[in-house]
């Protein structure tokens, strides 16, 4: 049975995502509860996408501190599974700390920022440039490394290029 749930998790995550973005009944509490239950099911059964989205929703829109901490835990699982958006968010969480659960840890922050930047996450690359230009996160100023990250920044498609390519489809 566990095998079947793991196989269904990506489909359930896709369904939850579609319902989340549906404009019909946008302010419905029932729809919100259903979407959150679907995301949680998919996340708890190994869907990386659901881990990231559900964690983000709980951490940044949770109703109380316990929900936001739980969201951080889901984000960390998504980050450890390789999701670049979650890696960037975990870098921020470990850089600033959150409540008493996620204490500031500059080493972990740098680790997650670097992982996200290596996957060409634009904000993570920008943060890595700042880290080496300013000597942030306990790292020595290193203009050569800042330039290396600046070169990678040029590999990231610009927002304008992405919107033009999506319009041509």
N, C-alpha and C. Protein backbone atom coordinates (compact mmCIF):
# COMPACT_ATOMS: atom_id res chain seq x y z
N UNK A 1 0.82 -1.19 0.00
CA UNK A 1 0.00 0.00 0.00
C UNK A 1 0.86 1.26 0.00
N UNK A 2 1.97 1.21 0.76
CA UNK A 2 2.87 2.37 0.82
C UNK A 2 3.45 2.65 -0.57
N UNK A 3 3.77 1.61 -1.29
CA UNK A 3 4.31 1.77 -2.64
C UNK A 3 3.32 2.51 -3.54
N UNK A 4 2.05 2.14 -3.44
CA UNK A 4 1.01 2.77 -4.25
C UNK A 4 0.87 4.26 -3.91
N UNK A 5 0.91 4.58 -2.63
CA UNK A 5 0.79 5.99 -2.23
C UNK A 5 1.97 6.81 -2.76
N UNK A 6 3.17 6.22 -2.74
CA UNK A 6 4.35 6.94 -3.26
C UNK A 6 4.22 7.15 -4.78
N UNK A 7 3.59 6.19 -5.45
CA UNK A 7 3.39 6.34 -6.90
C UNK A 7 2.33 7.40 -7.21
N UNK A 8 1.34 7.53 -6.35
CA UNK A 8 0.26 8.50 -6.56
C UNK A 8 0.64 9.92 -6.13
N UNK A 9 1.66 10.05 -5.30
CA UNK A 9 2.02 11.35 -4.73
C UNK A 9 2.24 12.43 -5.79
N UNK A 10 3.00 12.20 -6.87
CA UNK A 10 3.17 13.27 -7.87
C UNK A 10 1.85 13.67 -8.54
N UNK A 11 0.98 12.72 -8.77
CA UNK A 11 -0.32 13.04 -9.37
C UNK A 11 -1.17 13.87 -8.41
N UNK A 12 -1.16 13.50 -7.14
CA UNK A 12 -1.91 14.25 -6.12
C UNK A 12 -1.33 15.66 -5.99
N UNK A 13 -0.01 15.79 -6.05
CA UNK A 13 0.63 17.11 -5.98
C UNK A 13 0.21 17.96 -7.18
N UNK A 14 0.17 17.35 -8.35
CA UNK A 14 -0.25 18.08 -9.56
C UNK A 14 -1.70 18.56 -9.40
N UNK A 15 -2.58 17.69 -8.90
CA UNK A 15 -3.98 18.05 -8.69
C UNK A 15 -4.10 19.19 -7.68
N UNK A 16 -3.37 19.09 -6.59
CA UNK A 16 -3.40 20.15 -5.57
C UNK A 16 -2.93 21.47 -6.16
N UNK A 17 -1.89 21.42 -6.98
CA UNK A 17 -1.37 22.64 -7.61
C UNK A 17 -2.41 23.26 -8.54
N UNK A 18 -3.09 22.43 -9.32
CA UNK A 18 -4.13 22.93 -10.23
C UNK A 18 -5.27 23.57 -9.44
N UNK A 19 -5.71 22.91 -8.36
CA UNK A 19 -6.78 23.47 -7.53
C UNK A 19 -6.34 24.76 -6.85
N UNK A 20 -5.08 24.81 -6.44
CA UNK A 20 -4.55 26.00 -5.77
C UNK A 20 -4.59 27.21 -6.70
N UNK A 21 -4.29 27.00 -7.97
CA UNK A 21 -4.25 28.11 -8.93
C UNK A 21 -5.59 28.37 -9.62
N UNK A 22 -6.58 27.58 -9.34
CA UNK A 22 -7.89 27.74 -9.95
C UNK A 22 -8.57 28.99 -9.38
N UNK A 23 -9.11 29.83 -10.25
CA UNK A 23 -9.74 31.07 -9.78
C UNK A 23 -11.13 30.83 -9.20
N UNK A 24 -11.74 29.72 -9.52
CA UNK A 24 -13.07 29.39 -9.01
C UNK A 24 -13.01 29.14 -7.50
N UNK A 25 -13.87 29.75 -6.75
CA UNK A 25 -13.92 29.62 -5.29
C UNK A 25 -12.60 30.00 -4.63
N UNK A 26 -12.01 31.07 -5.10
CA UNK A 26 -10.68 31.49 -4.63
C UNK A 26 -10.63 31.68 -3.11
N UNK A 27 -11.68 32.20 -2.53
CA UNK A 27 -11.67 32.51 -1.09
C UNK A 27 -12.37 31.44 -0.24
N UNK A 28 -12.63 30.29 -0.81
CA UNK A 28 -13.34 29.22 -0.10
C UNK A 28 -12.43 28.54 0.92
N UNK A 29 -12.88 28.49 2.17
CA UNK A 29 -12.12 27.80 3.22
C UNK A 29 -12.08 26.29 2.95
N UNK A 30 -13.19 25.76 2.43
CA UNK A 30 -13.24 24.33 2.15
C UNK A 30 -12.22 23.96 1.07
N UNK A 31 -12.16 24.77 0.02
CA UNK A 31 -11.18 24.49 -1.03
C UNK A 31 -9.76 24.58 -0.48
N UNK A 32 -9.53 25.58 0.34
CA UNK A 32 -8.20 25.76 0.94
C UNK A 32 -7.82 24.53 1.78
N UNK A 33 -8.75 24.06 2.60
CA UNK A 33 -8.46 22.88 3.43
C UNK A 33 -8.19 21.65 2.57
N UNK A 34 -8.98 21.49 1.50
CA UNK A 34 -8.77 20.35 0.60
C UNK A 34 -7.39 20.42 -0.06
N UNK A 35 -7.04 21.58 -0.57
CA UNK A 35 -5.74 21.76 -1.23
C UNK A 35 -4.60 21.47 -0.25
N UNK A 36 -4.71 21.98 0.95
CA UNK A 36 -3.66 21.76 1.94
C UNK A 36 -3.56 20.28 2.31
N UNK A 37 -4.70 19.58 2.42
CA UNK A 37 -4.66 18.15 2.71
C UNK A 37 -4.00 17.37 1.56
N UNK A 38 -4.32 17.76 0.33
CA UNK A 38 -3.73 17.09 -0.83
C UNK A 38 -2.22 17.32 -0.87
N UNK A 39 -1.80 18.57 -0.65
CA UNK A 39 -0.36 18.87 -0.63
C UNK A 39 0.33 18.07 0.48
N UNK A 40 -0.30 18.01 1.64
CA UNK A 40 0.33 17.29 2.76
C UNK A 40 0.45 15.80 2.43
N UNK A 41 -0.61 15.20 1.87
CA UNK A 41 -0.55 13.79 1.49
C UNK A 41 0.60 13.56 0.52
N UNK A 42 0.67 14.39 -0.51
CA UNK A 42 1.72 14.22 -1.53
C UNK A 42 3.10 14.43 -0.92
N UNK A 43 3.23 15.44 -0.06
CA UNK A 43 4.53 15.72 0.57
C UNK A 43 4.95 14.57 1.48
N UNK A 44 4.02 14.08 2.27
CA UNK A 44 4.33 12.99 3.19
C UNK A 44 4.64 11.68 2.47
N UNK A 45 4.28 11.61 1.19
CA UNK A 45 4.54 10.41 0.41
C UNK A 45 5.61 10.62 -0.65
N UNK A 46 6.44 11.66 -0.45
CA UNK A 46 7.67 11.77 -1.23
C UNK A 46 7.66 12.67 -2.45
N UNK A 47 6.62 13.44 -2.68
CA UNK A 47 6.61 14.35 -3.82
C UNK A 47 7.46 15.58 -3.49
N UNK A 48 8.56 15.74 -4.21
CA UNK A 48 9.46 16.87 -3.97
C UNK A 48 8.74 18.20 -4.20
N UNK A 49 7.96 18.27 -5.26
CA UNK A 49 7.21 19.50 -5.58
C UNK A 49 6.25 19.84 -4.43
N UNK A 50 5.54 18.83 -3.93
CA UNK A 50 4.60 19.07 -2.84
C UNK A 50 5.33 19.48 -1.56
N UNK A 51 6.48 18.87 -1.29
CA UNK A 51 7.27 19.27 -0.13
C UNK A 51 7.60 20.75 -0.19
N UNK A 52 8.00 21.20 -1.36
CA UNK A 52 8.40 22.59 -1.55
C UNK A 52 7.21 23.54 -1.42
N UNK A 53 6.14 23.25 -2.14
CA UNK A 53 4.98 24.16 -2.13
C UNK A 53 4.30 24.16 -0.77
N UNK A 54 4.05 22.98 -0.22
CA UNK A 54 3.38 22.88 1.08
C UNK A 54 4.23 23.54 2.16
N UNK A 55 5.53 23.28 2.14
CA UNK A 55 6.42 23.92 3.10
C UNK A 55 6.40 25.43 2.98
N UNK A 56 6.41 25.91 1.74
CA UNK A 56 6.38 27.36 1.51
C UNK A 56 5.07 27.96 2.04
N UNK A 57 3.95 27.33 1.71
CA UNK A 57 2.66 27.83 2.17
C UNK A 57 2.59 27.86 3.70
N UNK A 58 3.02 26.79 4.33
CA UNK A 58 2.98 26.76 5.79
C UNK A 58 3.94 27.77 6.41
N UNK A 59 5.16 27.83 5.88
CA UNK A 59 6.16 28.71 6.50
C UNK A 59 5.83 30.19 6.33
N UNK A 60 5.38 30.57 5.16
CA UNK A 60 5.18 31.99 4.90
C UNK A 60 3.74 32.45 5.10
N UNK A 61 2.78 31.53 5.14
CA UNK A 61 1.39 31.91 5.31
C UNK A 61 0.70 31.17 6.45
N UNK A 62 1.47 30.47 7.23
CA UNK A 62 0.89 29.71 8.34
C UNK A 62 0.24 30.62 9.36
N UNK A 63 -0.76 30.08 10.03
CA UNK A 63 -1.54 30.88 10.98
C UNK A 63 -0.84 31.08 12.31
N UNK A 64 0.07 30.19 12.66
CA UNK A 64 0.75 30.31 13.95
C UNK A 64 2.21 29.88 13.81
N UNK A 65 2.95 30.05 14.88
CA UNK A 65 4.38 29.73 14.87
C UNK A 65 4.61 28.25 14.60
N UNK A 66 3.79 27.38 15.18
CA UNK A 66 3.96 25.94 14.97
C UNK A 66 3.81 25.59 13.49
N UNK A 67 2.84 26.20 12.81
CA UNK A 67 2.67 25.95 11.37
C UNK A 67 3.87 26.44 10.59
N UNK A 68 4.40 27.59 10.96
CA UNK A 68 5.55 28.13 10.23
C UNK A 68 6.80 27.28 10.47
N UNK A 69 6.96 26.76 11.66
CA UNK A 69 8.08 25.85 11.92
C UNK A 69 7.90 24.57 11.12
N UNK A 70 6.68 24.02 11.12
CA UNK A 70 6.41 22.80 10.34
C UNK A 70 6.70 23.05 8.86
N UNK A 71 6.33 24.24 8.36
CA UNK A 71 6.64 24.60 6.98
C UNK A 71 8.14 24.60 6.72
N UNK A 72 8.91 25.10 7.67
CA UNK A 72 10.36 25.08 7.54
C UNK A 72 10.91 23.67 7.48
N UNK A 73 10.30 22.76 8.23
CA UNK A 73 10.73 21.36 8.21
C UNK A 73 10.45 20.76 6.83
N UNK A 74 9.28 21.03 6.27
CA UNK A 74 8.96 20.53 4.93
C UNK A 74 9.91 21.17 3.89
N UNK A 75 10.18 22.46 4.04
CA UNK A 75 11.12 23.12 3.11
C UNK A 75 12.50 22.48 3.19
N UNK A 76 12.94 22.15 4.39
CA UNK A 76 14.26 21.54 4.53
C UNK A 76 14.29 20.16 3.87
N UNK A 77 13.22 19.41 4.00
CA UNK A 77 13.15 18.11 3.32
C UNK A 77 13.21 18.29 1.80
N UNK A 78 12.49 19.31 1.29
CA UNK A 78 12.51 19.58 -0.16
C UNK A 78 13.91 20.03 -0.59
N UNK A 79 14.54 20.86 0.22
CA UNK A 79 15.89 21.33 -0.10
C UNK A 79 16.88 20.17 -0.13
N UNK A 80 16.77 19.29 0.84
CA UNK A 80 17.67 18.14 0.89
C UNK A 80 17.40 17.16 -0.26
N UNK A 81 16.18 17.23 -0.81
CA UNK A 81 15.85 16.39 -1.97
C UNK A 81 16.27 17.05 -3.28
N UNK A 82 16.79 18.28 -3.22
CA UNK A 82 17.33 18.92 -4.41
C UNK A 82 16.51 20.04 -5.02
N UNK A 83 15.47 20.51 -4.37
CA UNK A 83 14.64 21.58 -4.92
C UNK A 83 15.34 22.93 -4.74
N UNK A 84 15.67 23.64 -5.84
CA UNK A 84 16.43 24.88 -5.72
C UNK A 84 15.69 26.01 -5.01
N UNK A 85 14.38 26.11 -5.19
CA UNK A 85 13.62 27.16 -4.49
C UNK A 85 13.66 26.93 -2.99
N UNK A 86 13.48 25.68 -2.59
CA UNK A 86 13.53 25.34 -1.17
C UNK A 86 14.94 25.54 -0.62
N UNK A 87 15.96 25.23 -1.41
CA UNK A 87 17.34 25.44 -0.97
C UNK A 87 17.59 26.92 -0.70
N UNK A 88 17.12 27.77 -1.59
CA UNK A 88 17.29 29.21 -1.38
C UNK A 88 16.57 29.65 -0.09
N UNK A 89 15.34 29.18 0.08
CA UNK A 89 14.58 29.57 1.28
C UNK A 89 15.26 29.06 2.55
N UNK A 90 15.83 27.86 2.50
CA UNK A 90 16.53 27.35 3.68
C UNK A 90 17.79 28.16 3.95
N UNK A 91 18.44 28.64 2.90
CA UNK A 91 19.57 29.55 3.10
C UNK A 91 19.14 30.78 3.88
N UNK A 92 18.01 31.35 3.49
CA UNK A 92 17.49 32.53 4.19
C UNK A 92 17.11 32.19 5.63
N UNK A 93 16.45 31.05 5.80
CA UNK A 93 16.02 30.67 7.15
C UNK A 93 17.23 30.46 8.05
N UNK A 94 18.26 29.76 7.57
CA UNK A 94 19.43 29.54 8.41
C UNK A 94 20.29 30.80 8.56
N UNK A 95 20.22 31.71 7.60
CA UNK A 95 20.97 32.96 7.74
C UNK A 95 20.36 33.82 8.85
N UNK A 96 19.04 33.88 8.90
CA UNK A 96 18.36 34.76 9.86
C UNK A 96 17.88 34.04 11.11
N UNK A 97 17.71 32.73 11.01
CA UNK A 97 17.13 31.97 12.10
C UNK A 97 15.61 32.15 12.10
N UNK A 98 14.92 31.23 12.74
CA UNK A 98 13.47 31.35 12.87
C UNK A 98 13.05 30.71 14.18
N UNK A 99 12.46 31.54 15.02
CA UNK A 99 12.03 31.13 16.35
C UNK A 99 13.19 30.41 17.03
N UNK A 100 12.90 29.38 17.77
CA UNK A 100 13.99 28.66 18.45
C UNK A 100 14.31 27.35 17.76
N UNK A 101 13.54 27.02 16.72
CA UNK A 101 13.75 25.75 16.05
C UNK A 101 14.90 25.82 15.06
N UNK A 102 14.91 26.88 14.24
CA UNK A 102 15.98 27.07 13.25
C UNK A 102 16.88 28.19 13.75
N UNK A 103 17.92 27.82 14.49
CA UNK A 103 18.84 28.84 14.98
C UNK A 103 19.75 29.28 13.84
N UNK A 104 20.20 30.52 13.86
CA UNK A 104 21.08 30.97 12.78
C UNK A 104 22.32 30.09 12.69
N UNK A 105 22.63 29.66 11.48
CA UNK A 105 23.79 28.81 11.22
C UNK A 105 24.34 29.23 9.86
N UNK A 106 25.39 30.05 9.89
CA UNK A 106 25.93 30.61 8.65
C UNK A 106 26.50 29.54 7.73
N UNK A 107 27.04 28.48 8.29
CA UNK A 107 27.56 27.38 7.47
C UNK A 107 26.46 26.70 6.68
N UNK A 108 25.33 26.41 7.35
CA UNK A 108 24.21 25.79 6.67
C UNK A 108 23.60 26.76 5.65
N UNK A 109 23.53 28.03 6.01
CA UNK A 109 22.99 29.03 5.08
C UNK A 109 23.81 29.05 3.80
N UNK A 110 25.12 29.09 3.94
CA UNK A 110 26.01 29.11 2.77
C UNK A 110 25.85 27.82 1.95
N UNK A 111 25.74 26.69 2.64
CA UNK A 111 25.55 25.40 1.97
C UNK A 111 24.30 25.41 1.10
N UNK A 112 23.18 25.86 1.66
CA UNK A 112 21.93 25.86 0.89
C UNK A 112 21.95 26.90 -0.23
N UNK A 113 22.50 28.09 0.04
CA UNK A 113 22.61 29.09 -1.02
C UNK A 113 23.44 28.55 -2.19
N UNK A 114 24.56 27.91 -1.85
CA UNK A 114 25.45 27.37 -2.90
C UNK A 114 24.74 26.29 -3.71
N UNK A 115 24.02 25.40 -3.04
CA UNK A 115 23.30 24.34 -3.77
C UNK A 115 22.28 24.95 -4.73
N UNK A 116 21.53 25.94 -4.29
CA UNK A 116 20.53 26.59 -5.14
C UNK A 116 21.20 27.33 -6.29
N UNK A 117 22.30 28.02 -5.99
CA UNK A 117 23.02 28.78 -7.02
C UNK A 117 23.61 27.86 -8.08
N UNK A 118 24.08 26.71 -7.67
CA UNK A 118 24.63 25.76 -8.64
C UNK A 118 23.56 25.24 -9.60
N UNK A 119 22.29 25.34 -9.19
CA UNK A 119 21.17 24.97 -10.06
C UNK A 119 20.60 26.21 -10.77
N UNK A 120 21.38 27.30 -10.72
CA UNK A 120 21.05 28.56 -11.41
C UNK A 120 19.82 29.26 -10.87
N UNK A 121 19.58 29.14 -9.57
CA UNK A 121 18.51 29.93 -8.94
C UNK A 121 19.00 31.38 -8.90
N UNK A 122 18.30 32.32 -9.56
CA UNK A 122 18.82 33.68 -9.70
C UNK A 122 19.08 34.41 -8.39
N UNK A 123 18.18 34.29 -7.41
CA UNK A 123 18.39 34.98 -6.14
C UNK A 123 19.54 34.37 -5.35
N UNK A 124 19.72 33.07 -5.47
CA UNK A 124 20.83 32.41 -4.78
C UNK A 124 22.16 32.83 -5.40
N UNK A 125 22.20 32.95 -6.72
CA UNK A 125 23.43 33.40 -7.37
C UNK A 125 23.75 34.82 -6.92
N UNK A 126 22.73 35.67 -6.88
CA UNK A 126 22.95 37.05 -6.42
C UNK A 126 23.48 37.07 -4.99
N UNK A 127 22.93 36.19 -4.14
CA UNK A 127 23.40 36.13 -2.75
C UNK A 127 24.84 35.65 -2.69
N UNK A 128 25.23 34.69 -3.53
CA UNK A 128 26.61 34.20 -3.54
C UNK A 128 27.56 35.32 -3.99
N UNK A 129 27.15 36.13 -4.95
CA UNK A 129 27.97 37.27 -5.36
C UNK A 129 28.17 38.21 -4.18
N UNK A 130 27.08 38.52 -3.48
CA UNK A 130 27.16 39.41 -2.31
C UNK A 130 28.04 38.82 -1.23
N UNK A 131 27.92 37.52 -1.01
CA UNK A 131 28.72 36.84 0.02
C UNK A 131 30.20 37.06 -0.23
N UNK A 132 30.63 36.86 -1.47
CA UNK A 132 32.06 36.98 -1.77
C UNK A 132 32.51 38.42 -1.98
N UNK A 133 31.60 39.32 -2.31
CA UNK A 133 31.98 40.73 -2.42
C UNK A 133 32.08 41.39 -1.06
N UNK A 134 31.17 41.01 -0.14
CA UNK A 134 31.08 41.67 1.17
C UNK A 134 31.75 40.88 2.29
N UNK A 135 32.07 39.62 2.02
CA UNK A 135 32.61 38.78 3.08
C UNK A 135 31.52 38.37 4.07
N UNK A 136 30.30 38.15 3.58
CA UNK A 136 29.18 37.78 4.45
C UNK A 136 29.22 36.29 4.79
N UNK A 137 28.39 35.90 5.72
CA UNK A 137 28.23 34.50 6.15
C UNK A 137 29.55 33.88 6.61
N UNK A 138 30.42 34.69 7.16
CA UNK A 138 31.68 34.19 7.69
C UNK A 138 32.71 33.82 6.63
N UNK A 139 32.49 34.26 5.40
CA UNK A 139 33.40 33.95 4.29
C UNK A 139 34.28 35.18 4.03
N UNK A 140 35.53 34.95 3.70
CA UNK A 140 36.44 36.05 3.39
C UNK A 140 36.07 36.68 2.04
N UNK A 141 36.31 37.96 1.92
CA UNK A 141 36.09 38.65 0.65
C UNK A 141 36.96 37.99 -0.42
N UNK A 142 36.36 37.66 -1.55
CA UNK A 142 37.07 36.98 -2.62
C UNK A 142 36.51 37.44 -3.97
N UNK A 143 37.11 38.51 -4.54
CA UNK A 143 36.60 39.05 -5.81
C UNK A 143 36.60 38.02 -6.95
N UNK A 144 37.55 37.09 -6.95
CA UNK A 144 37.61 36.09 -8.01
C UNK A 144 36.38 35.17 -7.95
N UNK A 145 36.01 34.74 -6.76
CA UNK A 145 34.82 33.89 -6.63
C UNK A 145 33.55 34.68 -6.94
N UNK A 146 33.52 35.94 -6.54
CA UNK A 146 32.37 36.79 -6.87
C UNK A 146 32.22 36.88 -8.39
N UNK A 147 33.33 37.01 -9.09
CA UNK A 147 33.29 37.07 -10.55
C UNK A 147 32.85 35.74 -11.16
N UNK A 148 33.28 34.64 -10.56
CA UNK A 148 32.81 33.32 -11.05
C UNK A 148 31.29 33.23 -10.95
N UNK A 149 30.73 33.67 -9.83
CA UNK A 149 29.28 33.64 -9.68
C UNK A 149 28.62 34.63 -10.64
N UNK A 150 29.27 35.75 -10.87
CA UNK A 150 28.72 36.73 -11.81
C UNK A 150 28.65 36.13 -13.22
N UNK A 151 29.64 35.32 -13.58
CA UNK A 151 29.62 34.64 -14.87
C UNK A 151 28.45 33.65 -14.95
N UNK A 152 28.20 32.96 -13.86
CA UNK A 152 27.06 32.04 -13.84
C UNK A 152 25.74 32.79 -13.94
N UNK A 153 25.74 33.99 -13.40
CA UNK A 153 24.52 34.80 -13.46
C UNK A 153 24.12 35.07 -14.91
N UNK A 154 25.09 35.16 -15.78
CA UNK A 154 24.80 35.40 -17.20
C UNK A 154 24.20 34.17 -17.87
N UNK A 155 24.34 33.01 -17.26
CA UNK A 155 23.76 31.78 -17.81
C UNK A 155 22.26 31.68 -17.53
N UNK A 156 21.78 32.47 -16.55
CA UNK A 156 20.37 32.42 -16.18
C UNK A 156 19.57 33.22 -17.20
N UNK A 157 18.55 32.60 -17.79
CA UNK A 157 17.72 33.35 -18.75
C UNK A 157 17.06 34.54 -18.06
N UNK A 158 17.02 35.65 -18.75
CA UNK A 158 16.39 36.83 -18.17
C UNK A 158 14.88 36.67 -18.17
N UNK A 159 14.21 37.46 -17.38
CA UNK A 159 12.76 37.41 -17.30
C UNK A 159 12.14 37.76 -18.65
N UNK A 160 12.72 38.74 -19.34
CA UNK A 160 12.19 39.13 -20.65
C UNK A 160 12.31 37.98 -21.65
N UNK A 161 13.44 37.28 -21.63
CA UNK A 161 13.64 36.17 -22.55
C UNK A 161 12.65 35.04 -22.27
N UNK A 162 12.36 34.82 -20.98
CA UNK A 162 11.41 33.77 -20.64
C UNK A 162 10.00 34.15 -21.10
N UNK A 163 9.61 35.40 -20.94
CA UNK A 163 8.27 35.79 -21.34
C UNK A 163 8.12 35.78 -22.86
N UNK A 164 9.18 36.13 -23.60
CA UNK A 164 9.13 36.09 -25.07
C UNK A 164 9.02 34.66 -25.54
N UNK A 165 9.79 33.74 -24.93
CA UNK A 165 9.74 32.35 -25.37
C UNK A 165 8.40 31.71 -25.04
N UNK A 166 7.77 32.10 -23.92
CA UNK A 166 6.47 31.52 -23.60
C UNK A 166 5.37 32.09 -24.49
N UNK A 167 5.52 33.33 -24.96
CA UNK A 167 4.52 33.92 -25.85
C UNK A 167 4.59 33.27 -27.23
N UNK A 168 5.76 32.82 -27.63
CA UNK A 168 5.91 32.25 -28.97
C UNK A 168 5.38 30.82 -29.06
N UNK A 169 5.05 30.21 -27.92
CA UNK A 169 4.54 28.83 -27.93
C UNK A 169 3.10 28.77 -28.30
